[in-house]
Amino acid sequence: MKVLLVNGSPNKNGCTYTALTEVEKTLNEQGIETEIFWIKTKPITGCIACFKCSEKGKCTFDNDVVNEFVEKAYGADAFVFGSPVYYAGANGSMISFLDRVFYSNSHGKNGEAFAHKPGAVVCSARRAGTTATYDQLIKYLGISQMPIVSSYYWNMVHGNTPEEVMQDEEGLSTMRQLGRNMAYLLKCIEAGKKEGLTLEVEPKARTNFIR
């Protein structure tokens, strides 16, 4: 079993990374393989609603990390998406990344890479804006049939530097429990598959408010 952890910060080894590594460490202790995927600092184009993904089976923009990540996602069993807080929301590159990742995959030629796989989000801030960012990011999971993994507090850490994050004892404890909860859920899903448990999916009905 493998978990992909996404570092949505432009700082490769910053506060968001510090939070993700705490989750990663706990997953590894539980026997779960992990990989941290950094979205890097190169500008990520936002979705322009060109719908070319429905023709190509992937996002038409192939000059950043979006399609690379989606390909990796097929081989993953769960995901943790981490972002710093910018003006009480996720940073722009992360939102552009997620918009295109999830929309292009829903039109991809290889089927869904995320449906029915556990997911979680992690937020990092100096002080405030974390709950709004958490609400913003969790919606990508909720619309994608992903079981949402929580902890015993909202998945967030506080600090202006990695060193300060390491002093946030409650935040780090929250990250570790998130890792334990995700590992437990993954093992439950694996056990269910061995018992022949399957999930029935109803065909999606799509309507518009204006007819």
Protein backbone atom coordinates (compact mmCIF):
# COMPACT_ATOMS: atom_id res chain seq x y z
CA MET A 1 0.00 0.00 0.00
CA LYS A 2 1.26 3.44 -0.92
CA VAL A 3 0.29 6.98 0.07
CA LEU A 4 1.13 10.00 -2.07
CA LEU A 5 1.64 13.17 -0.02
CA VAL A 6 1.48 16.39 -2.03
CA ASN A 7 3.54 19.37 -0.93
CA GLY A 8 1.69 22.35 -2.40
CA SER A 9 4.12 24.91 -1.01
CA PRO A 10 6.69 26.74 -3.14
CA ASN A 11 9.12 26.02 -0.29
CA LYS A 12 10.30 22.45 -0.77
CA ASN A 13 11.39 21.96 2.84
CA GLY A 14 9.20 24.52 4.58
CA CYS A 15 6.37 24.33 7.10
CA THR A 16 3.97 22.33 4.92
CA TYR A 17 6.70 19.79 4.21
CA THR A 18 7.43 19.56 7.94
CA ALA A 19 3.78 18.68 8.64
CA LEU A 20 3.69 16.12 5.83
CA THR A 21 6.86 14.41 7.02
CA GLU A 22 5.26 13.88 10.43
CA VAL A 23 2.35 12.11 8.73
CA GLU A 24 4.78 10.21 6.51
CA LYS A 25 6.87 9.02 9.45
CA THR A 26 3.82 7.55 11.15
CA LEU A 27 2.61 5.86 7.95
CA ASN A 28 6.02 4.27 7.49
CA GLU A 29 5.93 3.00 11.08
CA GLN A 30 2.60 1.37 10.20
CA GLY A 31 4.16 -0.41 7.23
CA ILE A 32 2.76 1.92 4.57
CA GLU A 33 4.96 3.04 1.65
CA THR A 34 5.01 6.79 0.99
CA GLU A 35 6.18 9.40 -1.48
CA ILE A 36 6.15 13.17 -1.12
CA PHE A 37 5.30 14.88 -4.42
CA TRP A 38 6.36 18.53 -4.62
CA ILE A 39 4.51 20.75 -7.10
CA LYS A 40 7.68 22.87 -7.40
CA THR A 41 7.91 26.61 -8.15
CA LYS A 42 7.26 26.70 -11.88
CA PRO A 43 3.96 28.51 -12.62
CA ILE A 44 1.00 26.15 -12.91
CA THR A 45 -1.65 27.20 -15.39
CA GLY A 46 -5.20 27.27 -14.13
CA CYS A 47 -7.98 25.30 -15.80
CA ILE A 48 -9.39 27.24 -18.78
CA ALA A 49 -12.42 24.96 -19.32
CA CYS A 50 -11.28 24.01 -22.83
CA PHE A 51 -12.54 20.42 -22.28
CA LYS A 52 -9.62 19.04 -24.30
CA CYS A 53 -9.03 16.52 -21.53
CA SER A 54 -12.17 14.67 -22.66
CA GLU A 55 -10.53 14.23 -26.08
CA LYS A 56 -6.93 13.62 -25.02
CA GLY A 57 -7.58 11.66 -21.85
CA LYS A 58 -5.34 14.04 -19.93
CA CYS A 59 -4.92 17.78 -19.39
CA THR A 60 -3.97 19.56 -22.59
CA PHE A 61 -1.33 21.59 -20.76
CA ASP A 62 1.67 19.31 -20.51
CA ASN A 63 4.33 21.78 -19.40
CA ASP A 64 3.99 21.38 -15.63
CA VAL A 65 3.54 18.64 -13.02
CA VAL A 66 -0.21 18.00 -13.33
CA ASN A 67 -0.18 15.07 -15.77
CA GLU A 68 2.90 13.64 -14.10
CA PHE A 69 1.04 13.54 -10.80
CA VAL A 70 -2.12 12.00 -12.25
CA GLU A 71 -0.06 9.16 -13.70
CA LYS A 72 1.46 8.53 -10.27
CA ALA A 73 -1.98 8.69 -8.68
CA TYR A 74 -3.14 5.51 -10.41
CA GLY A 75 -0.54 3.55 -8.48
CA ALA A 76 -1.35 5.11 -5.10
CA ASP A 77 -3.85 3.84 -2.54
CA ALA A 78 -4.38 7.09 -0.63
CA PHE A 79 -3.45 10.77 -0.68
CA VAL A 80 -2.58 13.67 1.62
CA PHE A 81 -2.75 17.14 0.08
CA GLY A 82 -0.83 19.83 1.95
CA SER A 83 -0.90 23.59 1.42
CA PRO A 84 0.31 26.74 3.16
CA VAL A 85 -2.25 29.43 3.93
CA TYR A 86 -2.28 32.53 1.71
CA TYR A 87 -4.90 35.14 2.67
CA ALA A 88 -7.07 32.56 4.49
CA GLY A 89 -6.97 30.15 1.54
CA ALA A 90 -4.71 27.69 -0.23
CA ASN A 91 -1.95 29.17 -2.37
CA GLY A 92 -2.78 29.84 -6.02
CA SER A 93 -0.48 27.21 -7.51
CA MET A 94 -2.04 24.50 -5.36
CA ILE A 95 -5.56 25.45 -6.43
CA SER A 96 -4.59 25.53 -10.10
CA PHE A 97 -2.91 22.16 -9.62
CA LEU A 98 -5.93 20.57 -7.93
CA ASP A 99 -8.47 22.05 -10.35
CA ARG A 100 -6.69 20.47 -13.29
CA VAL A 101 -5.72 17.24 -11.55
CA PHE A 102 -9.25 16.37 -10.51
CA TYR A 103 -11.11 17.68 -13.54
CA SER A 104 -8.82 16.16 -16.15
CA ASN A 105 -8.80 12.84 -14.32
CA SER A 106 -12.59 12.73 -14.30
CA HIS A 107 -12.34 12.84 -18.11
CA GLY A 108 -9.25 10.65 -18.35
CA LYS A 109 -8.88 7.65 -20.64
CA ASN A 110 -7.75 5.36 -17.81
CA GLY A 111 -10.69 5.90 -15.48
CA GLU A 112 -10.70 7.36 -12.00
CA ALA A 113 -7.42 7.57 -10.11
CA PHE A 114 -8.96 8.92 -6.90
CA ALA A 115 -12.44 7.46 -6.39
CA HIS A 116 -12.85 5.27 -3.29
CA LYS A 117 -9.27 5.93 -2.17
CA PRO A 118 -8.80 7.60 1.25
CA GLY A 119 -7.68 11.21 1.23
CA ALA A 120 -6.78 13.93 3.69
CA VAL A 121 -5.73 17.57 3.61
CA VAL A 122 -3.15 19.36 5.75
CA CYS A 123 -2.83 23.11 6.24
CA SER A 124 0.06 25.18 7.52
CA ALA A 125 -0.10 28.78 8.72
CA ARG A 126 1.76 31.22 10.89
CA ARG A 127 -1.40 32.01 12.82
CA ALA A 128 -4.87 32.06 11.16
CA GLY A 129 -6.77 31.04 8.02
CA THR A 130 -6.26 27.32 8.45
CA THR A 131 -9.90 26.31 8.90
CA ALA A 132 -10.98 28.23 5.79
CA THR A 133 -8.17 26.57 3.82
CA TYR A 134 -9.14 23.17 5.21
CA ASP A 135 -12.74 23.70 4.08
CA GLN A 136 -11.55 24.79 0.64
CA LEU A 137 -9.29 21.81 0.03
CA ILE A 138 -11.57 19.11 1.46
CA LYS A 139 -14.14 19.82 -1.25
CA TYR A 140 -11.93 18.24 -3.91
CA LEU A 141 -12.05 14.98 -1.98
CA GLY A 142 -15.74 15.17 -1.17
CA ILE A 143 -16.81 15.43 -4.81
CA SER A 144 -14.48 12.61 -5.88
CA GLN A 145 -15.92 9.74 -3.79
CA MET A 146 -12.86 9.71 -1.56
CA PRO A 147 -13.25 8.58 2.07
CA ILE A 148 -11.99 11.56 4.05
CA VAL A 149 -9.47 10.82 6.81
CA SER A 150 -9.49 13.04 9.85
CA SER A 151 -7.57 13.27 13.09
CA TYR A 152 -8.59 14.29 16.61
CA TYR A 153 -8.26 17.95 15.62
CA TRP A 154 -8.40 19.70 12.27
CA ASN A 155 -5.34 18.75 10.23
CA MET A 156 -3.25 21.87 10.69
CA VAL A 157 0.04 23.08 12.09
CA HIS A 158 1.17 26.54 13.13
CA GLY A 159 4.53 28.23 12.79
CA ASN A 160 6.39 30.72 10.65
CA THR A 161 9.36 28.42 10.13
CA PRO A 162 9.89 24.63 10.20
CA GLU A 163 11.58 25.09 13.57
CA GLU A 164 8.47 26.79 14.95
CA VAL A 165 6.25 24.05 13.51
CA MET A 166 8.34 21.52 15.41
CA GLN A 167 7.35 23.38 18.61
CA ASP A 168 3.63 22.98 17.81
CA GLU A 169 3.15 19.86 19.90
CA GLU A 170 -0.60 19.63 19.35
CA GLY A 171 -0.24 20.15 15.60
CA LEU A 172 2.43 17.47 15.28
CA SER A 173 0.36 15.08 17.40
CA THR A 174 -2.58 15.74 15.08
CA MET A 175 -0.39 14.83 12.10
CA ARG A 176 0.72 11.58 13.72
CA GLN A 177 -2.83 10.55 14.55
CA LEU A 178 -3.84 11.36 10.99
CA GLY A 179 -1.16 8.94 9.82
CA ARG A 180 -2.43 6.24 12.17
CA ASN A 181 -6.03 6.76 11.10
CA MET A 182 -5.11 6.58 7.42
CA ALA A 183 -3.04 3.42 7.90
CA TYR A 184 -5.91 1.80 9.81
CA LEU A 185 -8.43 2.64 7.07
CA LEU A 186 -6.13 1.36 4.34
CA LYS A 187 -5.70 -1.92 6.19
CA CYS A 188 -9.47 -2.21 6.68
CA ILE A 189 -10.04 -1.67 2.95
CA GLU A 190 -7.39 -4.26 2.13
CA ALA A 191 -8.99 -6.75 4.49
CA GLY A 192 -12.38 -6.11 2.94
CA LYS A 193 -11.05 -6.79 -0.55
CA LYS A 194 -9.62 -10.11 0.63
CA GLU A 195 -13.08 -11.04 1.89
CA GLY A 196 -14.57 -10.24 -1.52
CA LEU A 197 -16.27 -7.02 -0.45
CA THR A 198 -17.23 -4.87 -3.44
CA LEU A 199 -18.75 -1.43 -3.78
CA GLU A 200 -21.83 -0.81 -5.89
CA VAL A 201 -21.75 2.50 -7.76
CA GLU A 202 -24.95 4.00 -9.12
CA PRO A 203 -24.72 5.68 -12.54
CA LYS A 204 -24.33 9.42 -12.04
CA ALA A 205 -27.31 11.63 -12.83
CA ARG A 206 -26.37 15.09 -14.08
CA THR A 207 -28.84 17.95 -14.18
CA ASN A 208 -28.62 21.71 -14.59
CA PHE A 209 -30.53 24.20 -12.47
CA ILE A 210 -31.72 26.01 -15.57
CA ARG A 211 -33.42 23.85 -18.20
